Each structure stands twice: as structure tokens, then as C-alpha cells.
Amino acid sequence: MMMENLDPRESAPETAPHTGAEEQLVTDMEVALPTVRTAPAVHAWLDGEASAAQALQAAPKDAAFWQAMGTETAQRRRMVTPAHVPAAIMSKLAEGGR
């Protein structure tokens, strides 16, 4: 696998000169995305105003997504950085990143 060197301090590799015929004009183009609406029952459930059962009846796919999101978020809130990691970071900073 070839890795591209992105260090600006090093000289860029020489490339063959481009001719005007090879280049194409590239323009930005706005593309409309399909509009997806979430059911009002799901919004009410996320706001704490309705039950999960009501949301599941109204929009099972949306409710399942937000339940999975809640589960994942709860798991990540319980994650803790191992004690040795901050110490290793600080020692590398003290060394000057070498």
C-alpha cells in the first residue's frame, strides 16, 4: 500500500505538465436530498411526552433507531479511559512528542 506524504516541509514530487485539453471544468452542484419526516409520535416520545409503545406503533423503524441510539449512548457514557493512557499522553508531551 502506498501512502501519500502530506508533510508540506518536504518538496512535492515532480509531475508531468498538464495540458489545457486534459483539464475539465469542475463546478459545484446543489443536489436535493429526499425529505424524510419523523412521525409526531416519535418526537413526542423523544421529548418524554409519549410512551415508546405509541412511537413503535406510529413509526417502528424510527423508534427502533432511537432506541438503539439510546442504548449505544448509555454504553458510551459508562466507558472510562484506562488510567495509564493520560499518563502516557502527558509523558509524550513532556518529551516534545518524540
PDB file of N, CA and C in Angstrom:
ATOM      1  N   MET A   1       0.842  -1.168   0.000  1.00  0.00           N
ATOM      2  CA  MET A   1       0.000   0.000   0.000  1.00  0.00           C
ATOM      3  C   MET A   1       0.893   1.238   0.000  1.00  0.00           C
ATOM      4  N   MET A   2       0.611   2.151  -0.858  1.00  0.00           N
ATOM      5  CA  MET A   2       1.416   3.370  -0.953  1.00  0.00           C
ATOM      6  C   MET A   2       0.732   4.487  -0.175  1.00  0.00           C
ATOM      7  N   MET A   3       1.497   5.117   0.680  1.00  0.00           N
ATOM      8  CA  MET A   3       0.962   6.214   1.491  1.00  0.00           C
ATOM      9  C   MET A   3       1.444   7.537   0.902  1.00  0.00           C
ATOM     10  N   GLU A   4       0.556   8.501   0.854  1.00  0.00           N
ATOM     11  CA  GLU A   4       0.904   9.815   0.334  1.00  0.00           C
ATOM     12  C   GLU A   4       1.546  10.641   1.437  1.00  0.00           C
ATOM     13  N   ASN A   5       2.673  11.256   1.145  1.00  0.00           N
ATOM     14  CA  ASN A   5       3.356  12.093   2.120  1.00  0.00           C
ATOM     15  C   ASN A   5       2.693  13.467   2.119  1.00  0.00           C
ATOM     16  N   LEU A   6       2.124  13.866   3.244  1.00  0.00           N
ATOM     17  CA  LEU A   6       1.410  15.131   3.330  1.00  0.00           C
ATOM     18  C   LEU A   6       2.209  16.209   4.064  1.00  0.00           C
ATOM     19  N   ASP A   7       3.476  15.965   4.301  1.00  0.00           N
ATOM     20  CA  ASP A   7       4.310  16.926   5.012  1.00  0.00           C
ATOM     21  C   ASP A   7       4.650  18.088   4.084  1.00  0.00           C
ATOM     22  N   PRO A   8       4.174  19.316   4.386  1.00  0.00           N
ATOM     23  CA  PRO A   8       4.415  20.448   3.493  1.00  0.00           C
ATOM     24  C   PRO A   8       5.871  20.903   3.489  1.00  0.00           C
ATOM     25  N   ARG A   9       6.653  20.467   4.462  1.00  0.00           N
ATOM     26  CA  ARG A   9       8.058  20.886   4.529  1.00  0.00           C
ATOM     27  C   ARG A   9       8.916  20.144   3.522  1.00  0.00           C
ATOM     28  N   GLU A  10       8.428  19.027   3.045  1.00  0.00           N
ATOM     29  CA  GLU A  10       9.190  18.263   2.068  1.00  0.00           C
ATOM     30  C   GLU A  10       8.750  18.676   0.665  1.00  0.00           C
ATOM     31  N   SER A  11       9.671  18.591  -0.258  1.00  0.00           N
ATOM     32  CA  SER A  11       9.340  19.026  -1.617  1.00  0.00           C
ATOM     33  C   SER A  11       8.330  18.073  -2.244  1.00  0.00           C
ATOM     34  N   ALA A  12       7.478  18.646  -3.037  1.00  0.00           N
ATOM     35  CA  ALA A  12       6.454  17.850  -3.715  1.00  0.00           C
ATOM     36  C   ALA A  12       7.094  17.090  -4.856  1.00  0.00           C
ATOM     37  N   PRO A  13       6.606  15.883  -5.145  1.00  0.00           N
ATOM     38  CA  PRO A  13       7.175  15.136  -6.276  1.00  0.00           C
ATOM     39  C   PRO A  13       6.861  15.853  -7.582  1.00  0.00           C
ATOM     40  N   GLU A  14       7.795  15.752  -8.505  1.00  0.00           N
ATOM     41  CA  GLU A  14       7.590  16.404  -9.789  1.00  0.00           C
ATOM     42  C   GLU A  14       6.579  15.612 -10.595  1.00  0.00           C
ATOM     43  N   THR A  15       5.693  16.331 -11.237  1.00  0.00           N
ATOM     44  CA  THR A  15       4.677  15.688 -12.054  1.00  0.00           C
ATOM     45  C   THR A  15       4.793  16.209 -13.469  1.00  0.00           C
ATOM     46  N   ALA A  16       4.214  15.446 -14.375  1.00  0.00           N
ATOM     47  CA  ALA A  16       4.237  15.862 -15.781  1.00  0.00           C
ATOM     48  C   ALA A  16       3.362  17.086 -15.947  1.00  0.00           C
ATOM     49  N   PRO A  17       3.746  18.014 -16.813  1.00  0.00           N
ATOM     50  CA  PRO A  17       2.927  19.208 -17.019  1.00  0.00           C
ATOM     51  C   PRO A  17       1.581  18.844 -17.630  1.00  0.00           C
ATOM     52  N   HIS A  18       0.543  19.556 -17.186  1.00  0.00           N
ATOM     53  CA  HIS A  18      -0.799  19.316 -17.703  1.00  0.00           C
ATOM     54  C   HIS A  18      -1.057  20.208 -18.906  1.00  0.00           C
ATOM     55  N   THR A  19      -1.768  19.661 -19.840  1.00  0.00           N
ATOM     56  CA  THR A  19      -2.203  20.476 -20.967  1.00  0.00           C
ATOM     57  C   THR A  19      -3.647  20.880 -20.720  1.00  0.00           C
ATOM     58  N   GLY A  20      -4.053  21.990 -21.286  1.00  0.00           N
ATOM     59  CA  GLY A  20      -5.402  22.503 -21.080  1.00  0.00           C
ATOM     60  C   GLY A  20      -6.476  21.538 -21.553  1.00  0.00           C
ATOM     61  N   ALA A  21      -6.162  20.688 -22.537  1.00  0.00           N
ATOM     62  CA  ALA A  21      -7.161  19.774 -23.087  1.00  0.00           C
ATOM     63  C   ALA A  21      -7.552  18.694 -22.080  1.00  0.00           C
ATOM     64  N   GLU A  22      -6.632  18.327 -21.195  1.00  0.00           N
ATOM     65  CA  GLU A  22      -6.901  17.266 -20.235  1.00  0.00           C
ATOM     66  C   GLU A  22      -7.795  17.731 -19.087  1.00  0.00           C
ATOM     67  N   GLU A  23      -7.720  18.997 -18.791  1.00  0.00           N
ATOM     68  CA  GLU A  23      -8.456  19.507 -17.641  1.00  0.00           C
ATOM     69  C   GLU A  23      -9.904  19.787 -18.001  1.00  0.00           C
ATOM     70  N   GLN A  24     -10.786  19.449 -17.074  1.00  0.00           N
ATOM     71  CA  GLN A  24     -12.200  19.733 -17.270  1.00  0.00           C
ATOM     72  C   GLN A  24     -12.633  20.685 -16.165  1.00  0.00           C
ATOM     73  N   LEU A  25     -13.552  21.536 -16.506  1.00  0.00           N
ATOM     74  CA  LEU A  25     -14.081  22.472 -15.536  1.00  0.00           C
ATOM     75  C   LEU A  25     -14.993  21.714 -14.571  1.00  0.00           C
ATOM     76  N   VAL A  26     -14.682  21.808 -13.296  1.00  0.00           N
ATOM     77  CA  VAL A  26     -15.489  21.149 -12.277  1.00  0.00           C
ATOM     78  C   VAL A  26     -16.225  22.230 -11.502  1.00  0.00           C
ATOM     79  N   THR A  27     -17.519  22.092 -11.422  1.00  0.00           N
ATOM     80  CA  THR A  27     -18.320  23.071 -10.700  1.00  0.00           C
ATOM     81  C   THR A  27     -19.093  22.384  -9.586  1.00  0.00           C
ATOM     82  N   ASP A  28     -19.420  23.143  -8.573  1.00  0.00           N
ATOM     83  CA  ASP A  28     -20.251  22.623  -7.505  1.00  0.00           C
ATOM     84  C   ASP A  28     -21.692  22.603  -7.983  1.00  0.00           C
ATOM     85  N   MET A  29     -22.400  21.592  -7.554  1.00  0.00           N
ATOM     86  CA  MET A  29     -23.783  21.478  -7.971  1.00  0.00           C
ATOM     87  C   MET A  29     -24.626  21.115  -6.751  1.00  0.00           C
ATOM     88  N   GLU A  30     -25.697  21.827  -6.553  1.00  0.00           N
ATOM     89  CA  GLU A  30     -26.586  21.538  -5.432  1.00  0.00           C
ATOM     90  C   GLU A  30     -27.502  20.389  -5.823  1.00  0.00           C
ATOM     91  N   VAL A  31     -27.555  19.384  -4.938  1.00  0.00           N
ATOM     92  CA  VAL A  31     -28.384  18.223  -5.195  1.00  0.00           C
ATOM     93  C   VAL A  31     -29.423  18.133  -4.091  1.00  0.00           C
ATOM     94  N   ALA A  32     -30.665  18.073  -4.464  1.00  0.00           N
ATOM     95  CA  ALA A  32     -31.744  17.977  -3.479  1.00  0.00           C
ATOM     96  C   ALA A  32     -31.792  16.564  -2.910  1.00  0.00           C
ATOM     97  N   LEU A  33     -31.827  16.472  -1.594  1.00  0.00           N
ATOM     98  CA  LEU A  33     -31.933  15.180  -0.933  1.00  0.00           C
ATOM     99  C   LEU A  33     -33.395  14.883  -0.646  1.00  0.00           C
ATOM    100  N   PRO A  34     -33.746  13.620  -0.632  1.00  0.00           N
ATOM    101  CA  PRO A  34     -35.142  13.301  -0.335  1.00  0.00           C
ATOM    102  C   PRO A  34     -35.476  13.709   1.108  1.00  0.00           C
ATOM    103  N   THR A  35     -36.661  14.248   1.292  1.00  0.00           N
ATOM    104  CA  THR A  35     -37.090  14.704   2.602  1.00  0.00           C
ATOM    105  C   THR A  35     -37.684  13.537   3.374  1.00  0.00           C
ATOM    106  N   VAL A  36     -37.196  13.328   4.577  1.00  0.00           N
ATOM    107  CA  VAL A  36     -37.715  12.273   5.440  1.00  0.00           C
ATOM    108  C   VAL A  36     -38.313  12.938   6.662  1.00  0.00           C
ATOM    109  N   ARG A  37     -39.534  12.634   6.933  1.00  0.00           N
ATOM    110  CA  ARG A  37     -40.226  13.211   8.079  1.00  0.00           C
ATOM    111  C   ARG A  37     -40.357  12.161   9.171  1.00  0.00           C
ATOM    112  N   THR A  38     -40.064  12.552  10.385  1.00  0.00           N
ATOM    113  CA  THR A  38     -40.240  11.674  11.525  1.00  0.00           C
ATOM    114  C   THR A  38     -41.641  11.885  12.078  1.00  0.00           C
ATOM    115  N   ALA A  39     -42.278  10.789  12.424  1.00  0.00           N
ATOM    116  CA  ALA A  39     -43.657  10.846  12.912  1.00  0.00           C
ATOM    117  C   ALA A  39     -43.751  11.693  14.180  1.00  0.00           C
ATOM    118  N   PRO A  40     -44.824  12.455  14.322  1.00  0.00           N
ATOM    119  CA  PRO A  40     -45.007  13.269  15.533  1.00  0.00           C
ATOM    120  C   PRO A  40     -44.985  12.440  16.816  1.00  0.00           C
ATOM    121  N   ALA A  41     -45.451  11.190  16.747  1.00  0.00           N
ATOM    122  CA  ALA A  41     -45.439  10.327  17.937  1.00  0.00           C
ATOM    123  C   ALA A  41     -44.014  10.035  18.391  1.00  0.00           C
ATOM    124  N   VAL A  42     -43.101   9.906  17.440  1.00  0.00           N
ATOM    125  CA  VAL A  42     -41.692   9.662  17.784  1.00  0.00           C
ATOM    126  C   VAL A  42     -41.102  10.911  18.434  1.00  0.00           C
ATOM    127  N   HIS A  43     -41.414  12.080  17.897  1.00  0.00           N
ATOM    128  CA  HIS A  43     -40.949  13.329  18.509  1.00  0.00           C
ATOM    129  C   HIS A  43     -41.486  13.463  19.934  1.00  0.00           C
ATOM    130  N   ALA A  44     -42.754  13.147  20.122  1.00  0.00           N
ATOM    131  CA  ALA A  44     -43.361  13.231  21.452  1.00  0.00           C
ATOM    132  C   ALA A  44     -42.679  12.262  22.404  1.00  0.00           C
ATOM    133  N   TRP A  45     -42.373  11.048  21.932  1.00  0.00           N
ATOM    134  CA  TRP A  45     -41.694  10.057  22.771  1.00  0.00           C
ATOM    135  C   TRP A  45     -40.287  10.537  23.147  1.00  0.00           C
ATOM    136  N   LEU A  46     -39.546  11.086  22.175  1.00  0.00           N
ATOM    137  CA  LEU A  46     -38.195  11.584  22.457  1.00  0.00           C
ATOM    138  C   LEU A  46     -38.229  12.774  23.417  1.00  0.00           C
ATOM    139  N   ASP A  47     -39.315  13.548  23.388  1.00  0.00           N
ATOM    140  CA  ASP A  47     -39.472  14.682  24.302  1.00  0.00           C
ATOM    141  C   ASP A  47     -40.008  14.253  25.665  1.00  0.00           C
ATOM    142  N   GLY A  48     -40.318  12.954  25.828  1.00  0.00           N
ATOM    143  CA  GLY A  48     -40.821  12.454  27.098  1.00  0.00           C
ATOM    144  C   GLY A  48     -42.313  12.646  27.274  1.00  0.00           C
ATOM    145  N   GLU A  49     -43.013  12.949  26.206  1.00  0.00           N
ATOM    146  CA  GLU A  49     -44.448  13.218  26.298  1.00  0.00           C
ATOM    147  C   GLU A  49     -45.307  12.012  25.948  1.00  0.00           C
ATOM    148  N   ALA A  50     -44.730  10.962  25.390  1.00  0.00           N
ATOM    149  CA  ALA A  50     -45.499   9.782  24.996  1.00  0.00           C
ATOM    150  C   ALA A  50     -44.701   8.529  25.348  1.00  0.00           C
ATOM    151  N   SER A  51     -45.345   7.377  25.219  1.00  0.00           N
ATOM    152  CA  SER A  51     -44.663   6.125  25.540  1.00  0.00           C
ATOM    153  C   SER A  51     -43.959   5.569  24.307  1.00  0.00           C
ATOM    154  N   ALA A  52     -43.030   4.655  24.560  1.00  0.00           N
ATOM    155  CA  ALA A  52     -42.313   4.014  23.459  1.00  0.00           C
ATOM    156  C   ALA A  52     -43.279   3.184  22.616  1.00  0.00           C
ATOM    157  N   ALA A  53     -44.295   2.605  23.250  1.00  0.00           N
ATOM    158  CA  ALA A  53     -45.265   1.792  22.516  1.00  0.00           C
ATOM    159  C   ALA A  53     -46.002   2.635  21.479  1.00  0.00           C
ATOM    160  N   GLN A  54     -46.360   3.862  21.842  1.00  0.00           N
ATOM    161  CA  GLN A  54     -47.033   4.741  20.890  1.00  0.00           C
ATOM    162  C   GLN A  54     -46.111   5.067  19.714  1.00  0.00           C
ATOM    163  N   ALA A  55     -44.855   5.307  20.007  1.00  0.00           N
ATOM    164  CA  ALA A  55     -43.890   5.615  18.955  1.00  0.00           C
ATOM    165  C   ALA A  55     -43.678   4.409  18.051  1.00  0.00           C
ATOM    166  N   LEU A  56     -43.602   3.214  18.653  1.00  0.00           N
ATOM    167  CA  LEU A  56     -43.417   1.997  17.864  1.00  0.00           C
ATOM    168  C   LEU A  56     -44.600   1.748  16.939  1.00  0.00           C
ATOM    169  N   GLN A  57     -45.799   2.079  17.403  1.00  0.00           N
ATOM    170  CA  GLN A  57     -46.973   1.903  16.551  1.00  0.00           C
ATOM    171  C   GLN A  57     -46.955   2.911  15.398  1.00  0.00           C
ATOM    172  N   ALA A  58     -46.576   4.123  15.670  1.00  0.00           N
ATOM    173  CA  ALA A  58     -46.601   5.180  14.654  1.00  0.00           C
ATOM    174  C   ALA A  58     -45.499   5.003  13.618  1.00  0.00           C
ATOM    175  N   ALA A  59     -44.297   4.713  14.065  1.00  0.00           N
ATOM    176  CA  ALA A  59     -43.154   4.595  13.146  1.00  0.00           C
ATOM    177  C   ALA A  59     -42.153   3.605  13.729  1.00  0.00           C
ATOM    178  N   PRO A  60     -42.363   2.308  13.486  1.00  0.00           N
ATOM    179  CA  PRO A  60     -41.489   1.297  14.101  1.00  0.00           C
ATOM    180  C   PRO A  60     -40.017   1.444  13.736  1.00  0.00           C
ATOM    181  N   LYS A  61     -39.725   1.822  12.503  1.00  0.00           N
ATOM    182  CA  LYS A  61     -38.334   1.944  12.064  1.00  0.00           C
ATOM    183  C   LYS A  61     -37.633   3.100  12.786  1.00  0.00           C
ATOM    184  N   ASP A  62     -38.291   4.255  12.873  1.00  0.00           N
ATOM    185  CA  ASP A  62     -37.715   5.412  13.564  1.00  0.00           C
ATOM    186  C   ASP A  62     -37.544   5.135  15.053  1.00  0.00           C
ATOM    187  N   ALA A  63     -38.563   4.537  15.661  1.00  0.00           N
ATOM    188  CA  ALA A  63     -38.495   4.246  17.095  1.00  0.00           C
ATOM    189  C   ALA A  63     -37.375   3.250  17.387  1.00  0.00           C
ATOM    190  N   ALA A  64     -37.210   2.241  16.543  1.00  0.00           N
ATOM    191  CA  ALA A  64     -36.137   1.261  16.737  1.00  0.00           C
ATOM    192  C   ALA A  64     -34.771   1.927  16.634  1.00  0.00           C
ATOM    193  N   PHE A  65     -34.628   2.850  15.680  1.00  0.00           N
ATOM    194  CA  PHE A  65     -33.363   3.572  15.540  1.00  0.00           C
ATOM    195  C   PHE A  65     -33.043   4.340  16.816  1.00  0.00           C
ATOM    196  N   TRP A  66     -34.022   5.095  17.342  1.00  0.00           N
ATOM    197  CA  TRP A  66     -33.768   5.916  18.520  1.00  0.00           C
ATOM    198  C   TRP A  66     -33.576   5.079  19.773  1.00  0.00           C
ATOM    199  N   GLN A  67     -34.210   3.900  19.848  1.00  0.00           N
ATOM    200  CA  GLN A  67     -33.947   3.006  20.975  1.00  0.00           C
ATOM    201  C   GLN A  67     -32.507   2.500  20.920  1.00  0.00           C
ATOM    202  N   ALA A  68     -32.050   2.109  19.731  1.00  0.00           N
ATOM    203  CA  ALA A  68     -30.661   1.651  19.570  1.00  0.00           C
ATOM    204  C   ALA A  68     -29.685   2.776  19.874  1.00  0.00           C
ATOM    205  N   MET A  69     -30.034   3.998  19.467  1.00  0.00           N
ATOM    206  CA  MET A  69     -29.181   5.149  19.748  1.00  0.00           C
ATOM    207  C   MET A  69     -29.074   5.376  21.252  1.00  0.00           C
ATOM    208  N   GLY A  70     -30.183   5.256  21.952  1.00  0.00           N
ATOM    209  CA  GLY A  70     -30.181   5.417  23.410  1.00  0.00           C
ATOM    210  C   GLY A  70     -29.344   4.358  24.098  1.00  0.00           C
ATOM    211  N   THR A  71     -29.444   3.121  23.637  1.00  0.00           N
ATOM    212  CA  THR A  71     -28.653   2.026  24.215  1.00  0.00           C
ATOM    213  C   THR A  71     -27.167   2.271  24.004  1.00  0.00           C
ATOM    214  N   GLU A  72     -26.789   2.625  22.786  1.00  0.00           N
ATOM    215  CA  GLU A  72     -25.374   2.893  22.465  1.00  0.00           C
ATOM    216  C   GLU A  72     -24.844   4.071  23.270  1.00  0.00           C
ATOM    217  N   THR A  73     -25.639   5.116  23.384  1.00  0.00           N
ATOM    218  CA  THR A  73     -25.215   6.298  24.142  1.00  0.00           C
ATOM    219  C   THR A  73     -25.006   5.953  25.611  1.00  0.00           C
ATOM    220  N   ALA A  74     -25.903   5.163  26.175  1.00  0.00           N
ATOM    221  CA  ALA A  74     -25.763   4.762  27.577  1.00  0.00           C
ATOM    222  C   ALA A  74     -24.492   3.946  27.786  1.00  0.00           C
ATOM    223  N   GLN A  75     -24.171   3.058  26.836  1.00  0.00           N
ATOM    224  CA  GLN A  75     -22.941   2.270  26.938  1.00  0.00           C
ATOM    225  C   GLN A  75     -21.715   3.172  26.900  1.00  0.00           C
ATOM    226  N   ARG A  76     -21.703   4.124  26.006  1.00  0.00           N
ATOM    227  CA  ARG A  76     -20.546   5.007  25.873  1.00  0.00           C
ATOM    228  C   ARG A  76     -20.385   5.936  27.068  1.00  0.00           C
ATOM    229  N   ARG A  77     -21.473   6.288  27.720  1.00  0.00           N
ATOM    230  CA  ARG A  77     -21.365   7.116  28.925  1.00  0.00           C
ATOM    231  C   ARG A  77     -20.650   6.384  30.052  1.00  0.00           C
ATOM    232  N   ARG A  78     -20.764   5.044  30.051  1.00  0.00           N
ATOM    233  CA  ARG A  78     -20.123   4.252  31.098  1.00  0.00           C
ATOM    234  C   ARG A  78     -18.667   3.940  30.794  1.00  0.00           C
ATOM    235  N   MET A  79     -18.196   4.237  29.584  1.00  0.00           N
ATOM    236  CA  MET A  79     -16.813   3.954  29.212  1.00  0.00           C
ATOM    237  C   MET A  79     -15.861   4.874  29.976  1.00  0.00           C
ATOM    238  N   VAL A  80     -14.739   4.308  30.374  1.00  0.00           N
ATOM    239  CA  VAL A  80     -13.733   5.063  31.121  1.00  0.00           C
ATOM    240  C   VAL A  80     -12.381   4.852  30.454  1.00  0.00           C
ATOM    241  N   THR A  81     -11.627   5.916  30.301  1.00  0.00           N
ATOM    242  CA  THR A  81     -10.284   5.815  29.741  1.00  0.00           C
ATOM    243  C   THR A  81      -9.389   5.109  30.753  1.00  0.00           C
ATOM    244  N   PRO A  82      -8.625   4.095  30.311  1.00  0.00           N
ATOM    245  CA  PRO A  82      -7.725   3.405  31.229  1.00  0.00           C
ATOM    246  C   PRO A  82      -6.747   4.394  31.881  1.00  0.00           C
ATOM    247  N   ALA A  83      -6.413   4.151  33.136  1.00  0.00           N
ATOM    248  CA  ALA A  83      -5.598   5.078  33.920  1.00  0.00           C
ATOM    249  C   ALA A  83      -4.233   5.356  33.295  1.00  0.00           C
ATOM    250  N   HIS A  84      -3.653   4.393  32.595  1.00  0.00           N
ATOM    251  CA  HIS A  84      -2.307   4.592  32.040  1.00  0.00           C
ATOM    252  C   HIS A  84      -2.300   5.503  30.814  1.00  0.00           C
ATOM    253  N   VAL A  85      -3.418   5.686  30.146  1.00  0.00           N
ATOM    254  CA  VAL A  85      -3.451   6.465  28.910  1.00  0.00           C
ATOM    255  C   VAL A  85      -3.149   7.952  29.151  1.00  0.00           C
ATOM    256  N   PRO A  86      -3.825   8.639  30.088  1.00  0.00           N
ATOM    257  CA  PRO A  86      -3.480  10.054  30.311  1.00  0.00           C
ATOM    258  C   PRO A  86      -2.013  10.246  30.711  1.00  0.00           C
ATOM    259  N   ALA A  87      -1.489   9.321  31.512  1.00  0.00           N
ATOM    260  CA  ALA A  87      -0.085   9.423  31.918  1.00  0.00           C
ATOM    261  C   ALA A  87       0.841   9.275  30.709  1.00  0.00           C
ATOM    262  N   ALA A  88       0.526   8.358  29.816  1.00  0.00           N
ATOM    263  CA  ALA A  88       1.346   8.164  28.614  1.00  0.00           C
ATOM    264  C   ALA A  88       1.298   9.402  27.719  1.00  0.00           C
ATOM    265  N   ILE A  89       0.121  10.000  27.590  1.00  0.00           N
ATOM    266  CA  ILE A  89      -0.019  11.212  26.777  1.00  0.00           C
ATOM    267  C   ILE A  89       0.811  12.346  27.371  1.00  0.00           C
ATOM    268  N   MET A  90       0.708  12.536  28.664  1.00  0.00           N
ATOM    269  CA  MET A  90       1.441  13.630  29.312  1.00  0.00           C
ATOM    270  C   MET A  90       2.947  13.415  29.223  1.00  0.00           C
ATOM    271  N   SER A  91       3.403  12.174  29.340  1.00  0.00           N
ATOM    272  CA  SER A  91       4.855  11.924  29.245  1.00  0.00           C
ATOM    273  C   SER A  91       5.354  12.213  27.821  1.00  0.00           C
ATOM    274  N   LYS A  92       4.548  11.875  26.811  1.00  0.00           N
ATOM    275  CA  LYS A  92       4.941  12.168  25.422  1.00  0.00           C
ATOM    276  C   LYS A  92       4.959  13.683  25.183  1.00  0.00           C
ATOM    277  N   LEU A  93       4.017  14.399  25.758  1.00  0.00           N
ATOM    278  CA  LEU A  93       4.006  15.855  25.618  1.00  0.00           C
ATOM    279  C   LEU A  93       5.232  16.475  26.283  1.00  0.00           C
ATOM    280  N   ALA A  94       5.617  15.933  27.432  1.00  0.00           N
ATOM    281  CA  ALA A  94       6.792  16.442  28.135  1.00  0.00           C
ATOM    282  C   ALA A  94       8.079  16.179  27.338  1.00  0.00           C
ATOM    283  N   GLU A  95       8.095  15.063  26.584  1.00  0.00           N
ATOM    284  CA  GLU A  95       9.261  14.741  25.756  1.00  0.00           C
ATOM    285  C   GLU A  95       9.307  15.577  24.482  1.00  0.00           C
ATOM    286  N   GLY A  96       8.264  16.261  24.181  1.00  0.00           N
ATOM    287  CA  GLY A  96       8.211  17.046  22.950  1.00  0.00           C
ATOM    288  C   GLY A  96       7.632  16.259  21.790  1.00  0.00           C
ATOM    289  N   GLY A  97       6.889  15.174  22.078  1.00  0.00           N
ATOM    290  CA  GLY A  97       6.226  14.416  21.027  1.00  0.00           C
ATOM    291  C   GLY A  97       7.125  13.454  20.291  1.00  0.00           C
ATOM    292  N   ARG A  98       8.326  13.210  20.777  1.00  0.00           N
ATOM    293  CA  ARG A  98       9.252  12.311  20.085  1.00  0.00           C
ATOM    294  C   ARG A  98       8.870  10.879  20.254  1.00  0.00           C
TER     295      ARG A  98
END
